[in-house]
Amino acid sequence: MSGADAVDVVSGVLVVVGALFAVTAGAGLVRFGDLWLRMHAGTKPQVLGLLLVLLGVGLQFAHSVAAVATLLLVGAFQVITAPVSAHVLARAGYRSGVVPREGLVHDDLARVVDDGSGPDTGGDAGGDAGGDAAPGHDLG
C-alpha cells in the first residue's frame, strides 16, 4: 500500500466516523425529550463529528493552503459557537419554565430572574441583583 492509498483510507475512515457522530447527534435531538439531553446531543457529538469530517477532508486537500485554512476556520467557528448556543438555549429554557427549578442543585440565576433586576427582565437597568456582578453585567 502506497502512502497516497494510506492517506485515502485514513481520510475515508475519518469522514465516515465523523458522519456517524453527526447522525447520532441528529438522532439524539429527535429522540431525547429533555432540554439538557438535547443540548448535549446537539453540541458534543455534532462538533466532534464535524471536526472528524474536516480532518478527513483536510488530509485530502493538504496540498492546498487555502483549503486547509478554510477548514481550520470552519472548525474554530464551530468550536467557539457551539457552547455559546447551548448557553443561550439553556437560559431560554430556564426563563420559559421548561427546566424544572426543583431539580437544580445550585441555582445562581434564580435571584436575577425572580426579583426582576436582570437587564433582560425589564427591571433595574444595572442588572446588579446582589452585588456579585459589575453593573450592566448579567450573572447567568
C-alpha atoms as a PDB file:
ATOM      1  CA  MET A   1       0.000   0.000   0.000  1.00  0.00           C
ATOM      2  CA  SER A   2       1.463   3.325  -1.037  1.00  0.00           C
ATOM      3  CA  GLY A   3       1.445   6.491   1.010  1.00  0.00           C
ATOM      4  CA  ALA A   4      -1.313   8.053  -1.086  1.00  0.00           C
ATOM      5  CA  ASP A   5      -3.526   4.994  -0.606  1.00  0.00           C
ATOM      6  CA  ALA A   6      -2.979   5.078   3.156  1.00  0.00           C
ATOM      7  CA  VAL A   7      -3.973   8.755   3.267  1.00  0.00           C
ATOM      8  CA  ASP A   8      -7.125   7.929   1.279  1.00  0.00           C
ATOM      9  CA  VAL A   9      -8.057   5.136   3.690  1.00  0.00           C
ATOM     10  CA  VAL A  10      -7.449   7.236   6.812  1.00  0.00           C
ATOM     11  CA  SER A  11      -9.307  10.156   5.269  1.00  0.00           C
ATOM     12  CA  GLY A  12     -12.266   7.937   4.350  1.00  0.00           C
ATOM     13  CA  VAL A  13     -12.425   6.429   7.834  1.00  0.00           C
ATOM     14  CA  LEU A  14     -12.354   9.884   9.454  1.00  0.00           C
ATOM     15  CA  VAL A  15     -15.151  11.151   7.213  1.00  0.00           C
ATOM     16  CA  VAL A  16     -17.330   8.076   7.831  1.00  0.00           C
ATOM     17  CA  VAL A  17     -16.798   8.119  11.611  1.00  0.00           C
ATOM     18  CA  GLY A  18     -17.474  11.871  11.681  1.00  0.00           C
ATOM     19  CA  ALA A  19     -20.659  11.377   9.682  1.00  0.00           C
ATOM     20  CA  LEU A  20     -21.768   8.675  12.125  1.00  0.00           C
ATOM     21  CA  PHE A  21     -21.250  11.082  15.019  1.00  0.00           C
ATOM     22  CA  ALA A  22     -23.337  13.700  13.192  1.00  0.00           C
ATOM     23  CA  VAL A  23     -26.121  11.184  12.534  1.00  0.00           C
ATOM     24  CA  THR A  24     -26.021  10.157  16.191  1.00  0.00           C
ATOM     25  CA  ALA A  25     -26.361  13.823  17.192  1.00  0.00           C
ATOM     26  CA  GLY A  26     -29.353  14.224  14.899  1.00  0.00           C
ATOM     27  CA  ALA A  27     -30.988  11.103  16.284  1.00  0.00           C
ATOM     28  CA  GLY A  28     -30.397  12.379  19.821  1.00  0.00           C
ATOM     29  CA  LEU A  29     -32.087  15.675  19.006  1.00  0.00           C
ATOM     30  CA  VAL A  30     -35.135  13.821  17.733  1.00  0.00           C
ATOM     31  CA  ARG A  31     -35.337  11.072  20.354  1.00  0.00           C
ATOM     32  CA  PHE A  32     -34.358  12.795  23.592  1.00  0.00           C
ATOM     33  CA  GLY A  33     -37.179  14.559  25.406  1.00  0.00           C
ATOM     34  CA  ASP A  34     -35.285  16.601  27.988  1.00  0.00           C
ATOM     35  CA  LEU A  35     -33.763  20.001  27.200  1.00  0.00           C
ATOM     36  CA  TRP A  36     -30.452  19.069  28.853  1.00  0.00           C
ATOM     37  CA  LEU A  37     -30.118  15.848  26.851  1.00  0.00           C
ATOM     38  CA  ARG A  38     -30.984  17.579  23.607  1.00  0.00           C
ATOM     39  CA  MET A  39     -28.402  20.290  24.296  1.00  0.00           C
ATOM     40  CA  HIS A  40     -25.792  17.612  24.871  1.00  0.00           C
ATOM     41  CA  ALA A  41     -26.741  15.763  21.690  1.00  0.00           C
ATOM     42  CA  GLY A  42     -26.720  18.964  19.674  1.00  0.00           C
ATOM     43  CA  THR A  43     -23.289  20.115  20.769  1.00  0.00           C
ATOM     44  CA  LYS A  44     -20.867  17.403  21.812  1.00  0.00           C
ATOM     45  CA  PRO A  45     -21.194  14.618  19.196  1.00  0.00           C
ATOM     46  CA  GLN A  46     -22.084  17.071  16.450  1.00  0.00           C
ATOM     47  CA  VAL A  47     -18.941  19.145  16.981  1.00  0.00           C
ATOM     48  CA  LEU A  48     -16.739  16.056  17.220  1.00  0.00           C
ATOM     49  CA  GLY A  49     -18.341  14.656  14.063  1.00  0.00           C
ATOM     50  CA  LEU A  50     -17.754  17.862  12.156  1.00  0.00           C
ATOM     51  CA  LEU A  51     -14.143  18.066  13.326  1.00  0.00           C
ATOM     52  CA  LEU A  52     -13.511  14.492  12.200  1.00  0.00           C
ATOM     53  CA  VAL A  53     -15.041  15.193   8.784  1.00  0.00           C
ATOM     54  CA  LEU A  54     -12.971  18.360   8.467  1.00  0.00           C
ATOM     55  CA  LEU A  55      -9.827  16.450   9.404  1.00  0.00           C
ATOM     56  CA  GLY A  56     -10.577  13.779   6.803  1.00  0.00           C
ATOM     57  CA  VAL A  57     -11.213  16.385   4.110  1.00  0.00           C
ATOM     58  CA  GLY A  58      -8.122  18.301   5.221  1.00  0.00           C
ATOM     59  CA  LEU A  59      -5.981  15.220   4.634  1.00  0.00           C
ATOM     60  CA  GLN A  60      -7.221  15.096   1.043  1.00  0.00           C
ATOM     61  CA  PHE A  61      -6.517  18.782   0.452  1.00  0.00           C
ATOM     62  CA  ALA A  62      -3.279  19.014   2.448  1.00  0.00           C
ATOM     63  CA  HIS A  63      -1.510  20.463  -0.594  1.00  0.00           C
ATOM     64  CA  SER A  64      -3.834  23.496  -0.682  1.00  0.00           C
ATOM     65  CA  VAL A  65      -3.093  26.110   1.948  1.00  0.00           C
ATOM     66  CA  ALA A  66      -6.319  27.979   1.189  1.00  0.00           C
ATOM     67  CA  ALA A  67      -8.454  24.858   1.614  1.00  0.00           C
ATOM     68  CA  VAL A  68      -6.787  23.876   4.882  1.00  0.00           C
ATOM     69  CA  ALA A  69      -7.096  27.443   6.203  1.00  0.00           C
ATOM     70  CA  THR A  70     -10.799  27.441   5.344  1.00  0.00           C
ATOM     71  CA  LEU A  71     -11.305  24.097   7.081  1.00  0.00           C
ATOM     72  CA  LEU A  72      -9.498  25.399  10.169  1.00  0.00           C
ATOM     73  CA  LEU A  73     -11.728  28.472  10.243  1.00  0.00           C
ATOM     74  CA  VAL A  74     -14.866  26.340   9.946  1.00  0.00           C
ATOM     75  CA  GLY A  75     -13.677  24.089  12.786  1.00  0.00           C
ATOM     76  CA  ALA A  76     -12.728  27.021  15.004  1.00  0.00           C
ATOM     77  CA  PHE A  77     -16.047  28.755  14.369  1.00  0.00           C
ATOM     78  CA  GLN A  78     -17.942  25.587  15.315  1.00  0.00           C
ATOM     79  CA  VAL A  79     -15.905  25.020  18.478  1.00  0.00           C
ATOM     80  CA  ILE A  80     -16.484  28.623  19.557  1.00  0.00           C
ATOM     81  CA  THR A  81     -20.184  28.918  18.723  1.00  0.00           C
ATOM     82  CA  ALA A  82     -21.497  25.540  19.954  1.00  0.00           C
ATOM     83  CA  PRO A  83     -21.026  26.316  23.680  1.00  0.00           C
ATOM     84  CA  VAL A  84     -22.461  29.804  23.221  1.00  0.00           C
ATOM     85  CA  SER A  85     -25.588  28.485  21.508  1.00  0.00           C
ATOM     86  CA  ALA A  86     -26.017  25.816  24.208  1.00  0.00           C
ATOM     87  CA  HIS A  87     -25.738  28.509  26.889  1.00  0.00           C
ATOM     88  CA  VAL A  88     -28.364  30.688  25.208  1.00  0.00           C
ATOM     89  CA  LEU A  89     -30.652  27.684  24.778  1.00  0.00           C
ATOM     90  CA  ALA A  90     -30.268  26.752  28.453  1.00  0.00           C
ATOM     91  CA  ARG A  91     -31.093  30.301  29.588  1.00  0.00           C
ATOM     92  CA  ALA A  92     -34.139  30.418  27.337  1.00  0.00           C
ATOM     93  CA  GLY A  93     -35.308  27.067  28.681  1.00  0.00           C
ATOM     94  CA  TYR A  94     -34.801  28.239  32.249  1.00  0.00           C
ATOM     95  CA  ARG A  95     -36.644  31.523  31.756  1.00  0.00           C
ATOM     96  CA  SER A  96     -39.540  29.898  29.872  1.00  0.00           C
ATOM     97  CA  GLY A  97     -40.066  27.296  32.591  1.00  0.00           C
ATOM     98  CA  VAL A  98     -39.074  24.266  30.500  1.00  0.00           C
ATOM     99  CA  VAL A  99     -36.339  23.493  33.024  1.00  0.00           C
ATOM    100  CA  PRO A 100     -37.807  22.499  36.414  1.00  0.00           C
ATOM    101  CA  ARG A 101     -36.050  24.572  39.076  1.00  0.00           C
ATOM    102  CA  GLU A 102     -36.507  21.997  41.840  1.00  0.00           C
ATOM    103  CA  GLY A 103     -34.127  19.635  40.027  1.00  0.00           C
ATOM    104  CA  LEU A 104     -31.246  22.112  40.123  1.00  0.00           C
ATOM    105  CA  VAL A 105     -28.570  21.626  42.765  1.00  0.00           C
ATOM    106  CA  HIS A 106     -27.369  25.241  42.759  1.00  0.00           C
ATOM    107  CA  ASP A 107     -29.462  27.945  41.092  1.00  0.00           C
ATOM    108  CA  ASP A 108     -27.449  31.131  40.527  1.00  0.00           C
ATOM    109  CA  LEU A 109     -29.906  32.549  38.039  1.00  0.00           C
ATOM    110  CA  ALA A 110     -32.966  32.412  40.327  1.00  0.00           C
ATOM    111  CA  ARG A 111     -32.300  35.666  42.171  1.00  0.00           C
ATOM    112  CA  VAL A 112     -31.738  37.563  38.933  1.00  0.00           C
ATOM    113  CA  VAL A 113     -34.921  36.240  37.329  1.00  0.00           C
ATOM    114  CA  ASP A 114     -37.137  36.242  40.430  1.00  0.00           C
ATOM    115  CA  ASP A 115     -36.524  39.790  41.611  1.00  0.00           C
ATOM    116  CA  GLY A 116     -36.725  41.237  38.100  1.00  0.00           C
ATOM    117  CA  SER A 117     -33.412  43.053  38.361  1.00  0.00           C
ATOM    118  CA  GLY A 118     -31.775  41.395  35.365  1.00  0.00           C
ATOM    119  CA  PRO A 119     -31.127  43.557  32.311  1.00  0.00           C
ATOM    120  CA  ASP A 120     -33.414  41.441  30.116  1.00  0.00           C
ATOM    121  CA  THR A 121     -36.318  41.209  32.582  1.00  0.00           C
ATOM    122  CA  GLY A 122     -37.407  44.823  32.393  1.00  0.00           C
ATOM    123  CA  GLY A 123     -36.191  45.674  35.900  1.00  0.00           C
ATOM    124  CA  ASP A 124     -33.208  47.695  37.058  1.00  0.00           C
ATOM    125  CA  ALA A 125     -31.018  48.580  34.083  1.00  0.00           C
ATOM    126  CA  GLY A 126     -27.920  47.965  36.171  1.00  0.00           C
ATOM    127  CA  GLY A 127     -28.524  44.234  36.417  1.00  0.00           C
ATOM    128  CA  ASP A 128     -26.759  44.002  39.791  1.00  0.00           C
ATOM    129  CA  ALA A 129     -29.116  41.789  41.762  1.00  0.00           C
ATOM    130  CA  GLY A 130     -26.933  41.076  44.729  1.00  0.00           C
ATOM    131  CA  GLY A 131     -23.649  42.876  44.433  1.00  0.00           C
ATOM    132  CA  ASP A 132     -21.763  39.963  42.865  1.00  0.00           C
ATOM    133  CA  ALA A 133     -21.667  41.284  39.323  1.00  0.00           C
ATOM    134  CA  ALA A 134     -20.419  44.524  37.886  1.00  0.00           C
ATOM    135  CA  PRO A 135     -23.185  46.953  36.926  1.00  0.00           C
ATOM    136  CA  GLY A 136     -24.568  46.164  33.499  1.00  0.00           C
ATOM    137  CA  HIS A 137     -23.428  42.534  33.523  1.00  0.00           C
ATOM    138  CA  ASP A 138     -25.811  39.627  33.838  1.00  0.00           C
ATOM    139  CA  LEU A 139     -24.863  36.865  36.268  1.00  0.00           C
ATOM    140  CA  GLY A 140     -26.083  33.921  34.158  1.00  0.00           C
END
